[in-house]
Amino acid sequence: MIMDEFFDQFFPTEFLIEYLENGPEENMDRFQTYAVYRFLSFAAKENPAVVMELRDTLECPLSVDNLADIYHFLDQDFYFSPSFSENSFDPVLLCYAIAIIDDKSGFGLAILNRIFKEACPEISSVDFSDVDVDLEVLLQTEVQFYAALAICSIHYSTLIALLPKFAAAYMEDLHFTCEDFILYDFMDEYFETKNCSANPAFQEMTDTLVLATLQSFDTDLENFTLDGLFQLKHPSGRFAAVYRSGAIDMKDLPVPADAAVLMKHILSYSAAYELRNNLYDYHLDEDKTITLTNWNENLKWHYVQYTNVYNLALSSFVAACYSRKLLQKQFEENLRELNQ
């Protein structure tokens, strides 16, 4: 069976091959960590005892300081940054996944292998060196899919060859990726390049669009960030509607320097998102095709594009800060339950 094209944007085989084969070594570590985390998350939903087993066997005592490990992982790039289920141990499980992959002694992997055997023995016994293995038949649940992906990425050299088979076995409920893959998959196709977000010419283009957006509103990154922080302290203007739902004035605000780094990432994404919308108009006319060499002369943005980037970035920044606050509270609650 050929995978539905709809799912190709959620498990983009060509991108994954480019990311893993031609990127830095850390890309494979990140991919492995993500796959292990997703496996542990689904395994813990089926059997909550998985969390306590990891607590009792991994030499990885957790504290609030480990929140920095979570933020660091999420901040590394746009890819493989998961969302967390509410009222779950997902933040803790990400910390355990990070510890397992970072541990080069093999101790963490030994514990993980035991959990593979307990959660899905039928997968842990598969010989993934056989590239003819029928993954569509084998992988029927979320736990099985991510167990196989993690095992294959850690223990076998056949991952790249098997990625198309994983894609064919993909299920909608797996939520392997987020909007970032769809966005950059379009960019890769439009600009006929691989992993465009790492392409210097693409980065120059988005950086220029970000700067032009800030200049069009007579501001800079520092002051734009301060505007976002003000909205957290006292929602007003476009955010005033939240008062009907119960507004929270945030007292413990992010440090401005850290907030500016977050805002810079969000601005870059917002510019790329608006660019995608804008390119739909251009690609309908071959004479107006935008390339990574002619964009500086041929790409025309106006007030509406700059406004869209500005509004999306500001709204996303506020939402991101609230999300971090919720993540912190959930992680702290996880730690209290682990220490009982």
Protein backbone atom coordinates (compact mmCIF):
# COMPACT_ATOMS: atom_id res chain seq x y z
CA MET A 1 0.00 0.00 0.00
CA ILE A 2 1.32 3.46 -0.87
CA MET A 3 1.05 5.95 1.94
CA ASP A 4 -1.64 8.59 1.55
CA GLU A 5 0.00 11.78 0.31
CA PHE A 6 -1.73 13.66 3.12
CA PHE A 7 0.47 11.90 5.67
CA ASP A 8 3.69 12.52 3.75
CA GLN A 9 3.83 16.02 5.20
CA PHE A 10 3.63 14.58 8.73
CA PHE A 11 6.31 11.92 8.20
CA PRO A 12 8.46 13.54 5.48
CA THR A 13 10.87 10.78 4.47
CA GLU A 14 13.07 12.90 2.21
CA PHE A 15 13.55 15.53 4.88
CA LEU A 16 14.35 12.96 7.56
CA ILE A 17 17.02 11.38 5.36
CA GLU A 18 18.56 14.79 4.69
CA TYR A 19 18.35 15.78 8.38
CA LEU A 20 19.94 12.56 9.65
CA GLU A 21 22.52 11.85 6.93
CA ASN A 22 23.79 15.32 6.08
CA GLY A 23 23.23 17.21 9.33
CA PRO A 24 25.56 17.36 12.34
CA GLU A 25 25.91 14.35 14.62
CA GLU A 26 23.63 16.00 17.19
CA ASN A 27 20.72 15.58 14.77
CA MET A 28 20.74 11.81 15.25
CA ASP A 29 20.92 12.24 19.04
CA ARG A 30 17.95 14.59 18.87
CA PHE A 31 15.97 12.19 16.67
CA GLN A 32 16.73 9.27 18.99
CA THR A 33 15.74 11.30 22.05
CA TYR A 34 12.48 12.30 20.40
CA ALA A 35 11.65 8.72 19.38
CA VAL A 36 12.46 7.37 22.86
CA TYR A 37 10.39 10.11 24.50
CA ARG A 38 7.37 9.40 22.29
CA PHE A 39 7.66 5.69 23.03
CA LEU A 40 7.86 6.30 26.79
CA SER A 41 4.93 8.70 26.65
CA PHE A 42 2.64 6.22 24.91
CA ALA A 43 3.93 3.33 27.05
CA ALA A 44 3.19 5.28 30.24
CA LYS A 45 -0.35 5.99 29.07
CA GLU A 46 -0.91 2.24 28.73
CA ASN A 47 0.98 1.38 31.92
CA PRO A 48 1.65 4.27 34.37
CA ALA A 49 4.10 2.05 36.28
CA VAL A 50 6.65 2.81 33.55
CA VAL A 51 7.28 6.22 35.14
CA MET A 52 8.08 4.76 38.56
CA GLU A 53 10.21 2.02 37.03
CA LEU A 54 12.35 4.66 35.36
CA ARG A 55 12.50 6.67 38.59
CA ASP A 56 13.69 3.65 40.57
CA THR A 57 16.19 2.24 38.05
CA LEU A 58 17.70 5.16 36.15
CA GLU A 59 20.48 6.96 37.95
CA CYS A 60 18.80 10.25 37.14
CA PRO A 61 17.40 12.08 40.17
CA LEU A 62 15.30 15.00 38.97
CA SER A 63 14.86 18.49 40.40
CA VAL A 64 13.47 21.79 39.21
CA ASP A 65 16.89 22.43 37.67
CA ASN A 66 16.07 19.83 35.01
CA LEU A 67 13.49 22.21 33.59
CA ALA A 68 16.48 23.84 31.88
CA ASP A 69 17.18 20.51 30.10
CA ILE A 70 13.64 20.52 28.74
CA TYR A 71 13.92 24.11 27.52
CA HIS A 72 17.30 23.39 25.93
CA PHE A 73 15.92 20.40 24.03
CA LEU A 74 12.86 22.31 22.84
CA ASP A 75 14.98 25.26 21.75
CA GLN A 76 17.54 23.37 19.65
CA ASP A 77 15.63 23.61 16.38
CA PHE A 78 12.12 23.71 14.95
CA TYR A 79 12.05 19.94 14.49
CA PHE A 80 11.22 17.27 17.09
CA SER A 81 10.01 19.67 19.77
CA PRO A 82 7.01 17.81 21.22
CA SER A 83 3.91 19.06 22.95
CA PHE A 84 3.02 17.61 26.35
CA SER A 85 -0.27 16.05 27.40
CA GLU A 86 -1.99 17.89 30.22
CA ASN A 87 -1.89 16.19 33.63
CA SER A 88 0.69 13.66 32.48
CA PHE A 89 4.29 12.79 33.29
CA ASP A 90 5.40 13.79 29.79
CA PRO A 91 7.87 16.48 30.97
CA VAL A 92 9.56 13.97 33.28
CA LEU A 93 9.64 11.36 30.51
CA LEU A 94 11.42 13.80 28.21
CA CYS A 95 14.06 14.29 30.92
CA TYR A 96 14.47 10.51 31.17
CA ALA A 97 14.75 10.19 27.38
CA ILE A 98 17.43 12.89 27.32
CA ALA A 99 19.33 11.11 30.09
CA ILE A 100 19.13 7.73 28.33
CA ILE A 101 20.53 9.01 25.04
CA ASP A 102 23.17 11.19 26.74
CA ASP A 103 24.39 8.26 28.83
CA LYS A 104 27.20 6.71 26.76
CA SER A 105 27.86 3.96 29.34
CA GLY A 106 24.98 1.85 28.05
CA PHE A 107 23.29 1.66 31.46
CA GLY A 108 20.32 3.76 30.39
CA LEU A 109 19.90 1.81 27.14
CA ALA A 110 19.85 -1.46 29.10
CA ILE A 111 16.92 -0.18 31.16
CA LEU A 112 15.19 1.09 28.01
CA ASN A 113 15.62 -2.30 26.32
CA ARG A 114 13.93 -3.94 29.29
CA ILE A 115 10.98 -1.56 28.96
CA PHE A 116 10.81 -2.33 25.23
CA LYS A 117 10.47 -6.02 26.09
CA GLU A 118 7.84 -5.36 28.75
CA ALA A 119 5.74 -2.93 26.71
CA CYS A 120 5.90 -4.65 23.31
CA PRO A 121 7.87 -7.91 23.26
CA GLU A 122 6.72 -8.60 19.71
CA ILE A 123 8.65 -5.52 18.54
CA SER A 124 11.77 -5.92 20.66
CA SER A 125 12.38 -9.35 19.08
CA VAL A 126 12.25 -8.12 15.48
CA ASP A 127 15.44 -8.16 13.41
CA PHE A 128 15.39 -4.69 11.87
CA SER A 129 18.52 -5.44 9.89
CA ASP A 130 16.13 -7.15 7.48
CA VAL A 131 15.07 -4.26 5.25
CA ASP A 132 12.24 -6.39 3.87
CA VAL A 133 10.40 -6.46 7.20
CA ASP A 134 6.71 -5.59 6.70
CA LEU A 135 6.18 -2.66 9.06
CA GLU A 136 2.62 -2.02 7.88
CA VAL A 137 1.59 -5.40 9.26
CA LEU A 138 3.85 -5.24 12.30
CA LEU A 139 3.07 -1.76 13.60
CA GLN A 140 -0.56 -1.46 14.67
CA THR A 141 -0.40 0.79 17.75
CA GLU A 142 1.33 4.01 18.77
CA VAL A 143 3.54 2.17 21.29
CA GLN A 144 4.64 -0.32 18.64
CA PHE A 145 5.40 2.40 16.08
CA TYR A 146 7.61 4.47 18.38
CA ALA A 147 9.24 1.41 19.95
CA ALA A 148 10.25 0.23 16.48
CA LEU A 149 11.43 3.71 15.46
CA ALA A 150 13.50 4.09 18.63
CA ILE A 151 14.98 0.57 18.47
CA CYS A 152 15.84 0.98 14.81
CA SER A 153 17.46 4.39 15.32
CA ILE A 154 19.56 3.23 18.30
CA HIS A 155 20.54 -0.34 17.50
CA TYR A 156 20.47 -0.75 13.71
CA SER A 157 22.18 0.82 10.69
CA THR A 158 19.11 0.28 8.52
CA LEU A 159 17.04 3.23 9.76
CA ILE A 160 17.46 5.28 6.58
CA ALA A 161 16.46 2.34 4.38
CA LEU A 162 13.42 1.63 6.55
CA LEU A 163 12.10 5.22 6.78
CA PRO A 164 9.81 4.80 3.73
CA LYS A 165 8.34 1.70 5.38
CA PHE A 166 7.73 3.66 8.59
CA ALA A 167 6.03 6.29 6.45
CA ALA A 168 3.79 3.66 4.88
CA ALA A 169 2.86 2.41 8.37
CA TYR A 170 2.09 5.92 9.65
CA MET A 171 -1.20 6.50 11.50
CA GLU A 172 -2.95 9.82 12.02
CA ASP A 173 -2.96 9.51 15.82
CA LEU A 174 0.84 9.29 15.96
CA HIS A 175 1.26 13.07 15.69
CA PHE A 176 4.89 12.62 14.68
CA THR A 177 5.28 16.21 13.63
CA CYS A 178 3.77 19.65 13.93
CA GLU A 179 3.08 22.58 11.63
CA ASP A 180 6.80 23.28 11.30
CA PHE A 181 7.27 20.23 9.09
CA ILE A 182 4.37 21.22 6.85
CA LEU A 183 5.70 24.76 6.58
CA TYR A 184 9.27 23.85 5.77
CA ASP A 185 8.26 20.89 3.59
CA PHE A 186 6.47 23.42 1.38
CA MET A 187 9.55 25.67 1.42
CA ASP A 188 11.83 22.78 0.44
CA GLU A 189 9.58 21.95 -2.48
CA TYR A 190 9.07 25.55 -3.59
CA PHE A 191 12.74 26.53 -3.48
CA GLU A 192 13.86 23.09 -4.71
CA THR A 193 16.30 22.64 -1.84
CA LYS A 194 16.68 20.26 1.09
CA ASN A 195 16.27 21.39 4.69
CA CYS A 196 15.89 25.00 3.62
CA SER A 197 15.77 26.25 7.21
CA ALA A 198 19.49 25.41 7.42
CA ASN A 199 20.24 27.07 4.07
CA PRO A 200 22.16 30.38 4.53
CA ALA A 201 20.30 32.03 1.64
CA PHE A 202 16.93 31.10 3.13
CA GLN A 203 18.04 32.31 6.56
CA GLU A 204 19.16 35.62 5.04
CA MET A 205 15.77 36.03 3.40
CA THR A 206 13.78 35.39 6.58
CA ASP A 207 16.14 37.57 8.63
CA THR A 208 15.61 40.39 6.15
CA LEU A 209 11.83 39.98 6.33
CA VAL A 210 11.97 40.06 10.14
CA LEU A 211 14.06 43.24 10.13
CA ALA A 212 11.76 44.86 7.55
CA THR A 213 8.74 43.97 9.71
CA LEU A 214 10.25 45.60 12.80
CA GLN A 215 11.29 48.68 10.81
CA SER A 216 7.83 49.04 9.31
CA PHE A 217 6.48 49.44 12.85
CA ASP A 218 9.37 51.72 13.87
CA THR A 219 10.62 49.29 16.51
CA ASP A 220 13.42 46.81 17.15
CA LEU A 221 13.70 43.36 18.73
CA GLU A 222 14.30 44.73 22.22
CA ASN A 223 11.29 47.05 22.25
CA PHE A 224 9.06 44.54 20.46
CA THR A 225 9.93 42.02 23.17
CA LEU A 226 9.14 44.58 25.88
CA ASP A 227 5.73 45.07 24.25
CA GLY A 228 5.14 41.33 24.52
CA LEU A 229 6.21 41.30 28.16
CA PHE A 230 3.85 44.18 28.89
CA GLN A 231 0.95 42.14 27.49
CA LEU A 232 1.82 39.38 29.96
CA LYS A 233 1.85 41.83 32.85
CA HIS A 234 -1.36 43.57 31.83
CA PRO A 235 -3.27 42.32 28.75
CA SER A 236 -4.63 45.20 26.70
CA GLY A 237 -5.60 46.21 23.18
CA ARG A 238 -5.80 43.15 20.95
CA PHE A 239 -5.52 40.90 24.03
CA ALA A 240 -8.28 42.57 26.04
CA ALA A 241 -10.80 39.88 25.04
CA VAL A 242 -9.13 37.45 27.45
CA TYR A 243 -10.67 39.30 30.38
CA ARG A 244 -13.98 37.59 29.58
CA SER A 245 -12.25 34.25 30.20
CA GLY A 246 -10.26 35.19 33.28
CA ALA A 247 -7.03 37.09 32.61
CA ILE A 248 -3.94 36.32 34.67
CA ASP A 249 -1.47 39.15 35.21
CA MET A 250 1.89 37.39 35.14
CA LYS A 251 4.17 38.67 37.90
CA ASP A 252 7.20 36.41 37.40
CA LEU A 253 8.09 37.61 33.90
CA PRO A 254 10.83 36.09 31.74
CA VAL A 255 14.20 37.84 31.86
CA PRO A 256 14.17 40.35 28.96
CA ALA A 257 17.35 38.89 27.42
CA ASP A 258 15.89 35.37 27.43
CA ALA A 259 12.56 36.69 26.19
CA ALA A 260 14.31 38.40 23.27
CA VAL A 261 15.85 35.08 22.19
CA LEU A 262 12.41 33.48 22.28
CA MET A 263 10.91 36.39 20.37
CA LYS A 264 13.61 36.17 17.69
CA HIS A 265 12.77 32.51 17.04
CA ILE A 266 9.06 33.28 16.90
CA LEU A 267 9.57 36.23 14.55
CA SER A 268 11.57 34.04 12.17
CA TYR A 269 8.83 31.43 12.14
CA SER A 270 6.12 34.05 11.69
CA ALA A 271 7.98 35.55 8.72
CA ALA A 272 8.40 32.12 7.13
CA TYR A 273 4.72 31.35 7.73
CA GLU A 274 3.60 34.58 6.08
CA LEU A 275 6.07 33.98 3.26
CA ARG A 276 4.44 30.62 2.54
CA ASN A 277 1.04 32.27 2.29
CA ASN A 278 2.51 34.94 0.04
CA LEU A 279 4.30 32.46 -2.23
CA TYR A 280 1.03 30.78 -3.14
CA ASP A 281 0.26 33.93 -5.14
CA TYR A 282 3.66 33.98 -6.79
CA HIS A 283 3.88 30.34 -7.82
CA LEU A 284 0.71 30.64 -9.91
CA ASP A 285 2.63 32.80 -12.38
CA GLU A 286 5.95 31.40 -13.60
CA ASP A 287 7.16 34.89 -14.46
CA LYS A 288 6.89 35.81 -10.79
CA THR A 289 8.60 32.76 -9.29
CA ILE A 290 10.66 33.69 -6.24
CA THR A 291 14.04 31.98 -5.86
CA LEU A 292 16.78 32.10 -3.25
CA THR A 293 18.77 34.32 -5.61
CA ASN A 294 16.13 36.77 -6.87
CA TRP A 295 13.99 37.29 -3.77
CA ASN A 296 15.71 40.56 -2.87
CA GLU A 297 14.53 42.14 -6.13
CA ASN A 298 11.29 40.27 -6.88
CA LEU A 299 9.65 39.65 -3.49
CA LYS A 300 7.32 42.54 -2.75
CA TRP A 301 5.82 42.84 0.73
CA HIS A 302 3.39 45.50 1.84
CA TYR A 303 1.72 46.68 5.02
CA VAL A 304 -0.61 43.68 5.20
CA GLN A 305 2.27 41.17 5.16
CA TYR A 306 4.23 43.07 7.80
CA THR A 307 1.09 43.38 9.94
CA ASN A 308 0.41 39.65 9.68
CA VAL A 309 3.95 38.82 10.83
CA TYR A 310 3.80 41.37 13.65
CA ASN A 311 0.45 40.12 14.97
CA LEU A 312 1.32 36.43 14.68
CA ALA A 313 4.65 36.93 16.43
CA LEU A 314 3.20 38.96 19.28
CA SER A 315 0.31 36.55 19.84
CA SER A 316 2.63 33.52 19.61
CA PHE A 317 5.06 35.09 22.08
CA VAL A 318 2.33 35.66 24.66
CA ALA A 319 0.99 32.13 24.14
CA ALA A 320 4.52 30.68 24.41
CA CYS A 321 5.18 32.44 27.71
CA TYR A 322 1.91 31.17 29.18
CA SER A 323 2.74 27.68 27.86
CA ARG A 324 6.11 27.77 29.59
CA LYS A 325 4.43 28.78 32.82
CA LEU A 326 2.00 25.86 32.53
CA LEU A 327 4.87 23.50 31.67
CA GLN A 328 6.80 24.65 34.73
CA LYS A 329 3.80 24.06 37.01
CA GLN A 330 3.17 20.62 35.52
CA PHE A 331 6.82 19.64 35.92
CA GLU A 332 6.85 20.81 39.53
CA GLU A 333 3.70 18.77 40.20
CA ASN A 334 5.35 15.76 38.55
CA LEU A 335 8.32 16.10 40.90
CA ARG A 336 6.05 16.27 43.95
CA GLU A 337 4.32 13.04 42.89
CA LEU A 338 7.64 11.32 42.18
CA ASN A 339 8.96 12.24 45.61
CA GLN A 340 5.94 11.06 47.59
